[in-house]
Amino acid sequence: MITRREFGLFTLAGLVRMKPDTPGVVERANALEGASSTINGVHLGAQTYSFRDLPRTPGTTDGVDVVINAMTECGLTECELFSPQLEPQFNAGARGARGAPPSPEAIKARDDLRRWRIETPLDHFREVKKRFDAAGITIHAFCCNMNNSFTDAEINRGFEIGKAVGARILTSSTTLDVARRIAPIADTHQMVIGMHGHSDISDPNEFATPESFAKAMKMSKYFKVNLDIGHFAAADFDPVAYIKEHHADISNLHLKDRKKRQGDNTPWGQGDTPIREVLQLLKKERWPIPAYIEYEYRGQGTPIEEVKKCFAYAKQALA
């Protein structure tokens, strides 16, 4: 591996000609050139769930290199890292019918994953951070979706892994019931965790309404709101008004476009979500709220191509 000093000397002297597909070259160049996806003071990035459909490199046990390459190709330098992309994929067998009890294979796969999370040395995750650092990508948030299947030890490990990969905050798609179990563990770690909202306002246990977020924030001073403006708009709430009133309580935003009244995800600009207005508000008020692309609509291109379109839309909105 060449050092920063060697890279600069080689480049200036014209003594080396490295192919663009040489492993690590693009990533190191990106890091050394100080690239940034912060536009007019607004921290743009990606929830790496956006790249969930990209296949893993054969022979690898995680999707880290795939994520790094995708982020680099999109020109994004900040992310919310989706935990399954760090993890091995255990065989859970065929998916059962909705509502059916889990199969023995699924139960074993869940147990294996829990064991891997708890027993894998934290140095493994510190090495993941180094891989992102080398590519010039900041892991601002670590997304660990904690549900009823999580033991307290596993919840605790989520915070430990988040810290090991260098995240400043955690985020989680969870429920109010599970949040009550998370609260004392968040207090112990003294680490902010943003509760991610969806649009199911019929279930009082789900995070979807302003009231559900308010209930969570009463549980712990480290509980904040990971506001998904697309889901919030689909539930017929106003993201702009909510951000104006609660900006100090928001850990980060997810950017997507959806139709109102529980409508579908759409390509950006075709739904009812005020993406442009939200970004302009962040720009005007200079609130330090990261805004991360979460690609969920069914685009015609690859995930990388579609995230690039979203990034271009966001940049134009902030011009």
Protein backbone atom coordinates (compact mmCIF):
# COMPACT_ATOMS: atom_id res chain seq x y z
CA MET A 1 0.00 0.00 0.00
CA ILE A 2 1.45 3.39 -0.97
CA THR A 3 1.57 6.21 1.54
CA ARG A 4 -0.04 9.63 1.15
CA ARG A 5 3.42 11.15 0.55
CA GLU A 6 4.35 8.54 -2.06
CA PHE A 7 1.06 8.98 -3.89
CA GLY A 8 1.63 12.73 -4.15
CA LEU A 9 5.22 12.35 -5.32
CA PHE A 10 4.35 9.72 -7.91
CA THR A 11 1.47 11.75 -9.28
CA LEU A 12 3.42 15.01 -9.53
CA ALA A 13 6.43 13.41 -11.13
CA GLY A 14 4.37 11.42 -13.57
CA LEU A 15 6.39 8.33 -12.71
CA VAL A 16 3.45 5.97 -12.39
CA ARG A 17 0.36 5.30 -14.44
CA MET A 18 -2.20 3.45 -12.35
CA LYS A 19 -5.19 1.90 -14.03
CA PRO A 20 -8.58 3.15 -12.77
CA ASP A 21 -9.59 -0.41 -11.92
CA THR A 22 -6.54 -1.04 -9.73
CA PRO A 23 -7.98 -1.99 -6.31
CA GLY A 24 -8.04 0.98 -3.94
CA VAL A 25 -6.74 3.59 -6.38
CA VAL A 26 -10.02 5.45 -6.86
CA GLU A 27 -10.75 5.31 -3.15
CA ARG A 28 -7.33 6.64 -2.15
CA ALA A 29 -7.46 9.37 -4.77
CA ASN A 30 -10.89 10.41 -3.51
CA ALA A 31 -9.63 10.60 0.06
CA LEU A 32 -6.46 12.51 -0.85
CA GLU A 33 -8.25 15.06 -2.98
CA GLY A 34 -10.51 15.96 -0.05
CA ALA A 35 -13.75 15.26 -1.90
CA SER A 36 -16.90 16.15 -0.01
CA SER A 37 -20.62 15.66 -0.50
CA THR A 38 -21.41 18.61 1.78
CA ILE A 39 -23.23 21.12 -0.43
CA ASN A 40 -23.69 24.71 0.72
CA GLY A 41 -23.32 23.63 4.32
CA VAL A 42 -25.75 20.69 4.10
CA HIS A 43 -24.27 17.27 4.81
CA LEU A 44 -25.55 14.96 2.09
CA GLY A 45 -24.82 11.26 2.09
CA ALA A 46 -26.47 7.88 1.73
CA GLN A 47 -28.16 5.31 3.89
CA THR A 48 -26.19 2.38 2.51
CA TYR A 49 -29.39 0.31 2.47
CA SER A 50 -29.72 2.06 -0.89
CA PHE A 51 -27.16 -0.43 -2.24
CA ARG A 52 -28.79 -3.55 -0.75
CA ASP A 53 -29.37 -5.17 -4.16
CA LEU A 54 -25.75 -5.00 -5.27
CA PRO A 55 -24.21 -8.50 -5.14
CA ARG A 56 -21.36 -9.21 -2.80
CA THR A 57 -17.94 -9.91 -4.19
CA PRO A 58 -17.47 -13.70 -4.45
CA GLY A 59 -15.34 -15.07 -1.65
CA THR A 60 -16.04 -12.23 0.78
CA THR A 61 -17.97 -12.47 4.04
CA ASP A 62 -19.45 -8.98 3.97
CA GLY A 63 -20.56 -6.24 1.59
CA VAL A 64 -18.19 -3.54 2.79
CA ASP A 65 -16.11 -3.23 -0.40
CA VAL A 66 -19.29 -3.15 -2.50
CA VAL A 67 -20.65 -0.29 -0.38
CA ILE A 68 -17.38 1.63 -0.47
CA ASN A 69 -17.12 1.30 -4.25
CA ALA A 70 -20.75 2.37 -4.70
CA MET A 71 -20.36 5.39 -2.43
CA THR A 72 -17.19 6.40 -4.23
CA GLU A 73 -18.76 6.05 -7.66
CA CYS A 74 -21.68 8.21 -6.54
CA GLY A 75 -19.36 10.90 -5.18
CA LEU A 76 -20.75 10.59 -1.64
CA THR A 77 -18.42 10.96 1.33
CA GLU A 78 -20.74 10.46 4.30
CA CYS A 79 -23.04 7.58 5.20
CA GLU A 80 -25.36 5.82 7.56
CA LEU A 81 -24.02 2.28 7.45
CA PHE A 82 -26.65 -0.47 7.26
CA SER A 83 -25.60 -3.23 9.67
CA PRO A 84 -26.39 -6.30 7.47
CA GLN A 85 -23.74 -5.11 5.01
CA LEU A 86 -21.10 -5.78 7.69
CA GLU A 87 -22.38 -9.23 8.48
CA PRO A 88 -22.10 -12.73 7.02
CA GLN A 89 -25.25 -14.13 5.45
CA PHE A 90 -26.43 -17.25 7.26
CA ASN A 91 -28.68 -19.66 5.38
CA ALA A 92 -32.22 -19.31 6.74
CA GLY A 93 -33.75 -21.69 4.20
CA ALA A 94 -36.83 -20.96 2.14
CA ARG A 95 -39.00 -18.08 3.27
CA GLY A 96 -42.19 -19.28 4.94
CA ALA A 97 -45.72 -17.98 4.50
CA ARG A 98 -46.60 -14.68 6.15
CA GLY A 99 -47.51 -15.27 9.78
CA ALA A 100 -46.10 -18.80 9.85
CA PRO A 101 -43.69 -19.72 12.67
CA PRO A 102 -40.00 -19.60 11.72
CA SER A 103 -38.47 -22.77 10.35
CA PRO A 104 -35.68 -24.59 12.20
CA GLU A 105 -33.27 -23.25 9.57
CA ALA A 106 -34.42 -19.68 10.20
CA ILE A 107 -34.09 -20.09 13.96
CA LYS A 108 -30.56 -21.45 13.59
CA ALA A 109 -29.59 -18.64 11.21
CA ARG A 110 -30.87 -16.05 13.71
CA ASP A 111 -28.94 -17.70 16.54
CA ASP A 112 -25.80 -17.84 14.41
CA LEU A 113 -26.10 -14.14 13.57
CA ARG A 114 -26.59 -13.21 17.23
CA ARG A 115 -23.53 -15.24 18.19
CA TRP A 116 -21.47 -13.65 15.42
CA ARG A 117 -22.43 -10.14 16.53
CA ILE A 118 -21.62 -10.77 20.18
CA GLU A 119 -18.48 -12.87 19.75
CA THR A 120 -16.74 -11.13 16.86
CA PRO A 121 -13.88 -9.05 18.33
CA LEU A 122 -14.42 -5.29 18.16
CA ASP A 123 -11.10 -4.98 16.35
CA HIS A 124 -12.86 -6.55 13.35
CA PHE A 125 -15.19 -3.56 13.21
CA ARG A 126 -12.37 -1.11 13.78
CA GLU A 127 -10.80 -2.54 10.63
CA VAL A 128 -14.05 -1.80 8.79
CA LYS A 129 -13.72 1.83 9.87
CA LYS A 130 -10.18 1.91 8.49
CA ARG A 131 -11.46 0.70 5.10
CA PHE A 132 -13.98 3.54 4.96
CA ASP A 133 -11.40 6.05 6.21
CA ALA A 134 -9.01 5.01 3.44
CA ALA A 135 -11.74 5.76 0.90
CA GLY A 136 -12.44 9.19 2.39
CA ILE A 137 -15.89 8.17 3.61
CA THR A 138 -17.21 9.12 7.04
CA ILE A 139 -19.51 6.68 8.85
CA HIS A 140 -21.62 9.23 10.69
CA ALA A 141 -24.37 6.80 11.71
CA PHE A 142 -24.67 3.06 12.23
CA CYS A 143 -28.10 1.58 11.48
CA CYS A 144 -28.92 -1.40 13.71
CA ASN A 145 -32.58 -2.37 13.48
CA MET A 146 -33.42 -3.73 16.91
CA ASN A 147 -36.57 -5.81 17.18
CA ASN A 148 -38.12 -8.20 19.68
CA SER A 149 -35.68 -10.95 18.73
CA PHE A 150 -32.75 -8.93 20.12
CA THR A 151 -31.43 -9.90 23.53
CA ASP A 152 -30.20 -7.14 25.83
CA ALA A 153 -26.65 -8.32 25.16
CA GLU A 154 -27.26 -7.95 21.43
CA ILE A 155 -28.67 -4.44 21.87
CA ASN A 156 -25.62 -3.52 23.90
CA ARG A 157 -23.37 -4.96 21.19
CA GLY A 158 -25.07 -2.76 18.61
CA PHE A 159 -23.80 0.30 20.46
CA GLU A 160 -20.35 -1.22 20.81
CA ILE A 161 -20.16 -1.99 17.09
CA GLY A 162 -21.40 1.50 16.25
CA LYS A 163 -18.62 3.04 18.28
CA ALA A 164 -16.04 0.67 16.79
CA VAL A 165 -16.90 1.69 13.21
CA GLY A 166 -16.59 5.34 14.25
CA ALA A 167 -20.25 6.32 14.15
CA ARG A 168 -21.32 9.35 16.14
CA ILE A 169 -24.90 8.09 16.39
CA LEU A 170 -26.98 4.95 15.98
CA THR A 171 -30.28 4.70 14.13
CA SER A 172 -32.89 1.98 14.39
CA SER A 173 -36.16 0.91 12.83
CA THR A 174 -37.77 -0.37 15.98
CA THR A 175 -40.91 -0.10 18.08
CA LEU A 176 -41.91 1.68 21.27
CA ASP A 177 -41.87 -1.61 23.19
CA VAL A 178 -38.29 -2.36 22.18
CA ALA A 179 -37.28 1.29 22.69
CA ARG A 180 -38.08 0.89 26.40
CA ARG A 181 -35.43 -1.84 26.55
CA ILE A 182 -32.96 0.22 24.50
CA ALA A 183 -33.26 3.33 26.72
CA PRO A 184 -31.12 2.24 29.71
CA ILE A 185 -28.48 0.80 27.37
CA ALA A 186 -28.32 4.07 25.41
CA ASP A 187 -27.95 5.89 28.72
CA THR A 188 -25.07 3.61 29.71
CA HIS A 189 -23.27 4.24 26.43
CA GLN A 190 -24.21 7.94 26.39
CA MET A 191 -24.79 7.64 22.66
CA VAL A 192 -27.57 9.18 20.60
CA ILE A 193 -29.88 6.79 18.76
CA GLY A 194 -32.33 8.09 16.18
CA MET A 195 -35.68 6.33 16.00
CA HIS A 196 -36.54 5.76 12.35
CA GLY A 197 -40.14 6.41 11.42
CA HIS A 198 -42.31 4.67 8.86
CA SER A 199 -45.86 5.48 7.76
CA ASP A 200 -48.00 2.91 9.60
CA ILE A 201 -50.10 5.23 11.75
CA SER A 202 -52.59 2.43 12.58
CA ASP A 203 -50.17 0.63 14.93
CA PRO A 204 -49.55 2.58 18.18
CA ASN A 205 -46.35 0.57 18.73
CA GLU A 206 -44.78 1.87 15.50
CA PHE A 207 -42.79 5.05 15.05
CA ALA A 208 -44.80 7.07 12.54
CA THR A 209 -46.61 9.95 14.22
CA PRO A 210 -45.18 13.01 15.98
CA GLU A 211 -46.73 11.64 19.18
CA SER A 212 -44.82 8.35 18.88
CA PHE A 213 -41.52 10.22 18.56
CA ALA A 214 -42.43 12.38 21.57
CA LYS A 215 -43.10 9.27 23.66
CA ALA A 216 -39.69 7.87 22.80
CA MET A 217 -37.83 11.05 23.63
CA LYS A 218 -39.30 10.96 27.13
CA MET A 219 -37.59 7.59 27.69
CA SER A 220 -34.01 8.81 27.30
CA LYS A 221 -32.19 12.06 26.63
CA TYR A 222 -30.19 10.11 24.04
CA PHE A 223 -33.29 9.27 21.98
CA LYS A 224 -33.70 11.45 18.90
CA VAL A 225 -35.69 11.30 15.67
CA ASN A 226 -34.34 9.81 12.45
CA LEU A 227 -36.98 11.51 10.33
CA ASP A 228 -37.74 9.83 7.02
CA ILE A 229 -39.39 12.68 5.17
CA GLY A 230 -40.89 10.38 2.53
CA HIS A 231 -42.63 8.13 5.03
CA PHE A 232 -43.68 11.17 7.08
CA ALA A 233 -45.29 12.76 4.03
CA ALA A 234 -46.96 9.46 3.07
CA ALA A 235 -48.56 9.44 6.54
CA ASP A 236 -49.94 12.91 5.69
CA PHE A 237 -47.68 14.89 8.02
CA ASP A 238 -45.67 17.96 7.02
CA PRO A 239 -41.90 17.36 7.18
CA VAL A 240 -41.05 21.06 6.82
CA ALA A 241 -43.26 22.10 9.73
CA TYR A 242 -41.97 19.24 11.90
CA ILE A 243 -38.31 20.06 11.20
CA LYS A 244 -38.90 23.74 11.98
CA GLU A 245 -40.40 22.86 15.35
CA HIS A 246 -38.19 19.92 16.32
CA HIS A 247 -34.85 20.47 14.55
CA ALA A 248 -32.93 20.14 17.83
CA ASP A 249 -34.41 16.66 18.32
CA ILE A 250 -33.55 15.30 14.86
CA SER A 251 -30.47 13.09 14.53
CA ASN A 252 -30.57 12.87 10.74
CA LEU A 253 -32.95 12.75 7.79
CA HIS A 254 -33.73 10.10 5.22
CA LEU A 255 -34.52 11.56 1.83
CA LYS A 256 -37.00 9.84 -0.44
CA ASP A 257 -40.12 10.78 -2.40
CA ARG A 258 -43.52 9.24 -1.72
CA LYS A 259 -47.10 10.09 -2.50
CA LYS A 260 -49.44 11.23 0.26
CA ARG A 261 -52.13 8.97 1.76
CA GLN A 262 -49.78 5.99 2.06
CA GLY A 263 -48.73 6.34 -1.56
CA ASP A 264 -45.89 4.59 -3.31
CA ASN A 265 -42.23 5.49 -3.47
CA THR A 266 -41.53 7.48 -6.63
CA PRO A 267 -38.52 8.85 -8.48
CA TRP A 268 -37.57 12.14 -6.88
CA GLY A 269 -39.75 15.03 -8.00
CA GLN A 270 -42.73 12.84 -8.91
CA GLY A 271 -44.19 12.38 -5.43
CA ASP A 272 -45.60 14.67 -2.75
CA THR A 273 -42.57 14.86 -0.46
CA PRO A 274 -41.07 18.38 -0.19
CA ILE A 275 -37.46 17.31 -0.69
CA ARG A 276 -36.38 20.62 -2.20
CA GLU A 277 -38.08 22.65 0.52
CA VAL A 278 -36.51 20.55 3.27
CA LEU A 279 -33.02 20.94 1.82
CA GLN A 280 -33.50 24.66 1.34
CA LEU A 281 -34.59 24.93 4.97
CA LEU A 282 -31.41 23.18 6.16
CA LYS A 283 -29.34 25.45 3.95
CA LYS A 284 -31.06 28.61 5.21
CA GLU A 285 -31.04 27.79 8.91
CA ARG A 286 -27.62 26.07 8.94
CA TRP A 287 -28.93 23.35 11.22
CA PRO A 288 -26.36 20.52 11.53
CA ILE A 289 -28.76 17.78 10.41
CA PRO A 290 -27.28 15.26 7.95
CA ALA A 291 -29.61 14.38 5.06
CA TYR A 292 -29.11 10.93 3.59
CA ILE A 293 -30.42 9.50 0.35
CA GLU A 294 -32.40 6.30 0.84
CA TYR A 295 -33.13 4.77 -2.53
CA GLU A 296 -36.34 2.71 -2.39
CA TYR A 297 -38.34 3.43 -5.54
CA ARG A 298 -38.15 1.02 -8.47
CA GLY A 299 -35.75 2.79 -10.78
CA GLN A 300 -34.86 1.71 -14.28
CA GLY A 301 -31.12 1.91 -13.61
CA THR A 302 -28.80 0.19 -11.18
CA PRO A 303 -28.81 1.30 -7.53
CA ILE A 304 -25.67 3.30 -8.22
CA GLU A 305 -27.23 5.02 -11.22
CA GLU A 306 -30.39 5.84 -9.29
CA VAL A 307 -28.52 7.16 -6.24
CA LYS A 308 -26.51 9.37 -8.58
CA LYS A 309 -29.80 10.80 -9.89
CA CYS A 310 -30.96 11.47 -6.34
CA PHE A 311 -27.67 13.15 -5.46
CA ALA A 312 -27.89 15.34 -8.56
CA TYR A 313 -31.46 16.32 -7.59
CA ALA A 314 -30.31 17.24 -4.08
CA LYS A 315 -27.38 19.29 -5.37
CA GLN A 316 -29.66 21.19 -7.72
CA ALA A 317 -32.09 21.83 -4.87
CA LEU A 318 -29.27 23.35 -2.83
CA ALA A 319 -27.82 25.46 -5.64
